[in-house]
């Protein structure tokens, strides 16, 4: 099963870096550890400060 995940580039400065996963039912990227923190899919895709990855079988591929 393929999943779409994203990280905000600025968060890599911190000890922990939140990861967001696309919820295809709501079309929002939701933070894995706190589902109340979320961004619309279009916002993440249009923001150059987010890196988006496709995850399949524990392999992450950067989407450019």
PDB file of N, CA and C in Angstrom:
ATOM      1  N   UNK A   1       0.838  -1.189   0.000  1.00  0.00           N
ATOM      2  CA  UNK A   1       0.000   0.000   0.000  1.00  0.00           C
ATOM      3  C   UNK A   1       0.881   1.250   0.000  1.00  0.00           C
ATOM      4  N   UNK A   2       0.623   2.152  -0.908  1.00  0.00           N
ATOM      5  CA  UNK A   2       1.372   3.402  -0.986  1.00  0.00           C
ATOM      6  C   UNK A   2       0.762   4.435  -0.050  1.00  0.00           C
ATOM      7  N   UNK A   3       1.645   5.218   0.577  1.00  0.00           N
ATOM      8  CA  UNK A   3       1.204   6.316   1.429  1.00  0.00           C
ATOM      9  C   UNK A   3       1.969   7.563   1.018  1.00  0.00           C
ATOM     10  N   UNK A   4       1.378   8.703   1.252  1.00  0.00           N
ATOM     11  CA  UNK A   4       2.034   9.978   1.005  1.00  0.00           C
ATOM     12  C   UNK A   4       2.325  10.624   2.350  1.00  0.00           C
ATOM     13  N   UNK A   5       3.579  11.007   2.554  1.00  0.00           N
ATOM     14  CA  UNK A   5       3.960  11.668   3.794  1.00  0.00           C
ATOM     15  C   UNK A   5       4.729  12.937   3.464  1.00  0.00           C
ATOM     16  N   UNK A   6       4.737  13.863   4.422  1.00  0.00           N
ATOM     17  CA  UNK A   6       5.421  15.139   4.220  1.00  0.00           C
ATOM     18  C   UNK A   6       6.071  15.593   5.523  1.00  0.00           C
ATOM     19  N   UNK A   7       7.165  16.340   5.372  1.00  0.00           N
ATOM     20  CA  UNK A   7       7.790  17.001   6.513  1.00  0.00           C
ATOM     21  C   UNK A   7       8.008  18.462   6.139  1.00  0.00           C
ATOM     22  N   UNK A   8       7.962  19.309   7.145  1.00  0.00           N
ATOM     23  CA  UNK A   8       8.227  20.728   6.958  1.00  0.00           C
ATOM     24  C   UNK A   8       9.724  20.932   7.153  1.00  0.00           C
ATOM     25  N   UNK A   9      10.408  21.506   6.177  1.00  0.00           N
ATOM     26  CA  UNK A   9      11.863  21.637   6.196  1.00  0.00           C
ATOM     27  C   UNK A   9      12.355  22.319   7.472  1.00  0.00           C
ATOM     28  N   UNK A  10      11.682  23.363   7.914  1.00  0.00           N
ATOM     29  CA  UNK A  10      12.115  24.096   9.101  1.00  0.00           C
ATOM     30  C   UNK A  10      12.121  23.272  10.369  1.00  0.00           C
ATOM     31  N   UNK A  11      11.343  22.189  10.411  1.00  0.00           N
ATOM     32  CA  UNK A  11      11.263  21.364  11.612  1.00  0.00           C
ATOM     33  C   UNK A  11      12.494  20.487  11.826  1.00  0.00           C
ATOM     34  N   UNK A  12      13.344  20.321  10.841  1.00  0.00           N
ATOM     35  CA  UNK A  12      14.517  19.459  11.003  1.00  0.00           C
ATOM     36  C   UNK A  12      15.541  20.071  11.962  1.00  0.00           C
ATOM     37  N   UNK A  13      15.366  21.333  12.340  1.00  0.00           N
ATOM     38  CA  UNK A  13      16.273  21.981  13.293  1.00  0.00           C
ATOM     39  C   UNK A  13      16.052  21.474  14.708  1.00  0.00           C
ATOM     40  N   UNK A  14      14.935  20.860  14.971  1.00  0.00           N
ATOM     41  CA  UNK A  14      14.558  20.465  16.315  1.00  0.00           C
ATOM     42  C   UNK A  14      14.899  19.003  16.583  1.00  0.00           C
ATOM     43  N   UNK A  15      14.797  18.609  17.835  1.00  0.00           N
ATOM     44  CA  UNK A  15      15.115  17.239  18.237  1.00  0.00           C
ATOM     45  C   UNK A  15      14.182  16.236  17.553  1.00  0.00           C
ATOM     46  N   UNK A  16      12.923  16.599  17.430  1.00  0.00           N
ATOM     47  CA  UNK A  16      11.966  15.734  16.753  1.00  0.00           C
ATOM     48  C   UNK A  16      11.368  16.476  15.563  1.00  0.00           C
ATOM     49  N   UNK A  17      11.139  15.757  14.505  1.00  0.00           N
ATOM     50  CA  UNK A  17      10.581  16.352  13.288  1.00  0.00           C
ATOM     51  C   UNK A  17       9.224  15.701  13.011  1.00  0.00           C
ATOM     52  N   UNK A  18       8.135  16.457  13.152  1.00  0.00           N
ATOM     53  CA  UNK A  18       6.811  15.878  12.904  1.00  0.00           C
ATOM     54  C   UNK A  18       6.657  15.400  11.454  1.00  0.00           C
ATOM     55  N   UNK A  19       5.968  14.308  11.307  1.00  0.00           N
ATOM     56  CA  UNK A  19       5.679  13.744   9.982  1.00  0.00           C
ATOM     57  C   UNK A  19       4.171  13.823   9.766  1.00  0.00           C
ATOM     58  N   UNK A  20       3.796  14.233   8.565  1.00  0.00           N
ATOM     59  CA  UNK A  20       2.383  14.345   8.196  1.00  0.00           C
ATOM     60  C   UNK A  20       2.069  13.276   7.162  1.00  0.00           C
ATOM     61  N   UNK A  21       0.887  12.672   7.280  1.00  0.00           N
ATOM     62  CA  UNK A  21       0.469  11.664   6.309  1.00  0.00           C
ATOM     63  C   UNK A  21      -0.851  12.088   5.685  1.00  0.00           C
ATOM     64  N   UNK A  22      -0.955  11.887   4.381  1.00  0.00           N
ATOM     65  CA  UNK A  22      -2.169  12.257   3.662  1.00  0.00           C
ATOM     66  C   UNK A  22      -3.305  11.311   4.018  1.00  0.00           C
ATOM     67  N   UNK A  23      -4.395  11.884   4.495  1.00  0.00           N
ATOM     68  CA  UNK A  23      -5.627  11.145   4.731  1.00  0.00           C
ATOM     69  C   UNK A  23      -6.453  11.322   3.458  1.00  0.00           C
ATOM     70  N   UNK A  24      -6.564  10.272   2.667  1.00  0.00           N
ATOM     71  CA  UNK A  24      -7.238  10.387   1.367  1.00  0.00           C
ATOM     72  C   UNK A  24      -8.741  10.602   1.505  1.00  0.00           C
ATOM     73  N   UNK A  25      -9.294  10.297   2.659  1.00  0.00           N
ATOM     74  CA  UNK A  25     -10.734  10.518   2.867  1.00  0.00           C
ATOM     75  C   UNK A  25     -11.041  11.993   3.082  1.00  0.00           C
ATOM     76  N   UNK A  26     -10.142  12.697   3.785  1.00  0.00           N
ATOM     77  CA  UNK A  26     -10.379  14.112   4.086  1.00  0.00           C
ATOM     78  C   UNK A  26      -9.586  15.040   3.179  1.00  0.00           C
ATOM     79  N   UNK A  27      -8.573  14.493   2.483  1.00  0.00           N
ATOM     80  CA  UNK A  27      -7.677  15.259   1.615  1.00  0.00           C
ATOM     81  C   UNK A  27      -6.825  16.255   2.419  1.00  0.00           C
ATOM     82  N   UNK A  28      -6.480  15.854   3.646  1.00  0.00           N
ATOM     83  CA  UNK A  28      -5.612  16.644   4.508  1.00  0.00           C
ATOM     84  C   UNK A  28      -4.373  15.836   4.879  1.00  0.00           C
ATOM     85  N   UNK A  29      -3.232  16.517   4.977  1.00  0.00           N
ATOM     86  CA  UNK A  29      -2.045  15.921   5.567  1.00  0.00           C
ATOM     87  C   UNK A  29      -2.177  16.110   7.077  1.00  0.00           C
ATOM     88  N   UNK A  30      -2.213  15.008   7.830  1.00  0.00           N
ATOM     89  CA  UNK A  30      -2.388  15.050   9.275  1.00  0.00           C
ATOM     90  C   UNK A  30      -1.088  14.637   9.964  1.00  0.00           C
ATOM     91  N   UNK A  31      -0.735  15.338  11.044  1.00  0.00           N
ATOM     92  CA  UNK A  31       0.448  14.982  11.811  1.00  0.00           C
ATOM     93  C   UNK A  31       0.215  13.603  12.440  1.00  0.00           C
ATOM     94  N   UNK A  32       1.181  12.713  12.299  1.00  0.00           N
ATOM     95  CA  UNK A  32       1.010  11.352  12.797  1.00  0.00           C
ATOM     96  C   UNK A  32       0.804  11.303  14.308  1.00  0.00           C
ATOM     97  N   UNK A  33       1.486  12.161  15.062  1.00  0.00           N
ATOM     98  CA  UNK A  33       1.389  12.091  16.523  1.00  0.00           C
ATOM     99  C   UNK A  33       0.274  12.967  17.088  1.00  0.00           C
ATOM    100  N   UNK A  34      -0.330  13.808  16.266  1.00  0.00           N
ATOM    101  CA  UNK A  34      -1.417  14.682  16.717  1.00  0.00           C
ATOM    102  C   UNK A  34      -2.307  15.006  15.519  1.00  0.00           C
ATOM    103  N   UNK A  35      -3.318  14.192  15.298  1.00  0.00           N
ATOM    104  CA  UNK A  35      -4.169  14.309  14.102  1.00  0.00           C
ATOM    105  C   UNK A  35      -4.922  15.641  14.014  1.00  0.00           C
ATOM    106  N   UNK A  36      -4.960  16.403  15.112  1.00  0.00           N
ATOM    107  CA  UNK A  36      -5.631  17.703  15.070  1.00  0.00           C
ATOM    108  C   UNK A  36      -4.806  18.750  14.324  1.00  0.00           C
ATOM    109  N   UNK A  37      -3.509  18.493  14.170  1.00  0.00           N
ATOM    110  CA  UNK A  37      -2.654  19.392  13.392  1.00  0.00           C
ATOM    111  C   UNK A  37      -2.658  18.857  11.966  1.00  0.00           C
ATOM    112  N   UNK A  38      -3.204  19.655  11.069  1.00  0.00           N
ATOM    113  CA  UNK A  38      -3.351  19.177   9.688  1.00  0.00           C
ATOM    114  C   UNK A  38      -3.343  20.341   8.721  1.00  0.00           C
ATOM    115  N   UNK A  39      -3.008  20.028   7.467  1.00  0.00           N
ATOM    116  CA  UNK A  39      -2.965  21.018   6.391  1.00  0.00           C
ATOM    117  C   UNK A  39      -3.665  20.450   5.168  1.00  0.00           C
ATOM    118  N   UNK A  40      -4.376  21.287   4.450  1.00  0.00           N
ATOM    119  CA  UNK A  40      -4.999  20.838   3.207  1.00  0.00           C
ATOM    120  C   UNK A  40      -3.924  20.344   2.246  1.00  0.00           C
ATOM    121  N   UNK A  41      -4.258  19.338   1.495  1.00  0.00           N
ATOM    122  CA  UNK A  41      -3.320  18.732   0.545  1.00  0.00           C
ATOM    123  C   UNK A  41      -2.719  19.783  -0.386  1.00  0.00           C
ATOM    124  N   UNK A  42      -3.557  20.673  -0.906  1.00  0.00           N
ATOM    125  CA  UNK A  42      -3.085  21.687  -1.855  1.00  0.00           C
ATOM    126  C   UNK A  42      -2.084  22.643  -1.207  1.00  0.00           C
ATOM    127  N   UNK A  43      -2.291  22.963   0.059  1.00  0.00           N
ATOM    128  CA  UNK A  43      -1.385  23.868   0.773  1.00  0.00           C
ATOM    129  C   UNK A  43       0.000  23.244   0.860  1.00  0.00           C
ATOM    130  N   UNK A  44       0.059  21.968   1.234  1.00  0.00           N
ATOM    131  CA  UNK A  44       1.340  21.270   1.358  1.00  0.00           C
ATOM    132  C   UNK A  44       2.015  21.157  -0.011  1.00  0.00           C
ATOM    133  N   UNK A  45       1.247  20.795  -1.025  1.00  0.00           N
ATOM    134  CA  UNK A  45       1.816  20.612  -2.369  1.00  0.00           C
ATOM    135  C   UNK A  45       2.359  21.918  -2.951  1.00  0.00           C
ATOM    136  N   UNK A  46       1.758  23.033  -2.612  1.00  0.00           N
ATOM    137  CA  UNK A  46       2.168  24.317  -3.183  1.00  0.00           C
ATOM    138  C   UNK A  46       3.252  25.020  -2.364  1.00  0.00           C
ATOM    139  N   UNK A  47       3.542  24.538  -1.171  1.00  0.00           N
ATOM    140  CA  UNK A  47       4.510  25.174  -0.283  1.00  0.00           C
ATOM    141  C   UNK A  47       5.883  24.528  -0.472  1.00  0.00           C
ATOM    142  N   UNK A  48       6.855  25.303  -0.949  1.00  0.00           N
ATOM    143  CA  UNK A  48       8.197  24.781  -1.193  1.00  0.00           C
ATOM    144  C   UNK A  48       8.926  24.371   0.080  1.00  0.00           C
ATOM    145  N   UNK A  49       8.392  24.730   1.245  1.00  0.00           N
ATOM    146  CA  UNK A  49       9.017  24.362   2.508  1.00  0.00           C
ATOM    147  C   UNK A  49       8.576  22.994   3.021  1.00  0.00           C
ATOM    148  N   UNK A  50       7.742  22.308   2.269  1.00  0.00           N
ATOM    149  CA  UNK A  50       7.367  20.929   2.588  1.00  0.00           C
ATOM    150  C   UNK A  50       8.052  19.991   1.601  1.00  0.00           C
ATOM    151  N   UNK A  51       8.566  18.892   2.118  1.00  0.00           N
ATOM    152  CA  UNK A  51       9.077  17.808   1.276  1.00  0.00           C
ATOM    153  C   UNK A  51       8.043  16.696   1.329  1.00  0.00           C
ATOM    154  N   UNK A  52       7.643  16.199   0.164  1.00  0.00           N
ATOM    155  CA  UNK A  52       6.614  15.160   0.084  1.00  0.00           C
ATOM    156  C   UNK A  52       7.264  13.870  -0.410  1.00  0.00           C
ATOM    157  N   UNK A  53       6.907  12.792   0.263  1.00  0.00           N
ATOM    158  CA  UNK A  53       7.461  11.487  -0.064  1.00  0.00           C
ATOM    159  C   UNK A  53       6.343  10.492  -0.326  1.00  0.00           C
ATOM    160  N   UNK A  54       6.622   9.553  -1.234  1.00  0.00           N
ATOM    161  CA  UNK A  54       5.750   8.402  -1.408  1.00  0.00           C
ATOM    162  C   UNK A  54       6.409   7.259  -0.655  1.00  0.00           C
ATOM    163  N   UNK A  55       5.645   6.588   0.199  1.00  0.00           N
ATOM    164  CA  UNK A  55       6.166   5.498   1.006  1.00  0.00           C
ATOM    165  C   UNK A  55       5.531   4.200   0.528  1.00  0.00           C
ATOM    166  N   UNK A  56       6.384   3.245   0.184  1.00  0.00           N
ATOM    167  CA  UNK A  56       5.889   1.921  -0.216  1.00  0.00           C
ATOM    168  C   UNK A  56       6.893   0.878   0.250  1.00  0.00           C
ATOM    169  N   UNK A  57       6.400  -0.066   1.045  1.00  0.00           N
ATOM    170  CA  UNK A  57       7.244  -1.151   1.579  1.00  0.00           C
ATOM    171  C   UNK A  57       8.498  -0.608   2.249  1.00  0.00           C
ATOM    172  N   UNK A  58       8.346   0.351   3.123  1.00  0.00           N
ATOM    173  CA  UNK A  58       9.441   0.956   3.893  1.00  0.00           C
ATOM    174  C   UNK A  58      10.487   1.659   3.027  1.00  0.00           C
ATOM    175  N   UNK A  59      10.135   1.993   1.796  1.00  0.00           N
ATOM    176  CA  UNK A  59      11.011   2.777   0.930  1.00  0.00           C
ATOM    177  C   UNK A  59      10.375   4.142   0.708  1.00  0.00           C
ATOM    178  N   UNK A  60      11.133   5.181   1.007  1.00  0.00           N
ATOM    179  CA  UNK A  60      10.649   6.555   0.821  1.00  0.00           C
ATOM    180  C   UNK A  60      11.247   7.145  -0.442  1.00  0.00           C
ATOM    181  N   UNK A  61      10.392   7.662  -1.302  1.00  0.00           N
ATOM    182  CA  UNK A  61      10.821   8.292  -2.553  1.00  0.00           C
ATOM    183  C   UNK A  61      10.358   9.731  -2.551  1.00  0.00           C
ATOM    184  N   UNK A  62      11.301  10.661  -2.688  1.00  0.00           N
ATOM    185  CA  UNK A  62      10.973  12.078  -2.707  1.00  0.00           C
ATOM    186  C   UNK A  62      10.205  12.412  -3.974  1.00  0.00           C
ATOM    187  N   UNK A  63       9.084  13.119  -3.816  1.00  0.00           N
ATOM    188  CA  UNK A  63       8.275  13.573  -4.943  1.00  0.00           C
ATOM    189  C   UNK A  63       8.694  15.000  -5.250  1.00  0.00           C
ATOM    190  N   UNK A  64       9.096  15.237  -6.472  1.00  0.00           N
ATOM    191  CA  UNK A  64       9.536  16.597  -6.841  1.00  0.00           C
ATOM    192  C   UNK A  64       8.515  17.321  -7.663  1.00  0.00           C
TER     193      UNK A  64
END
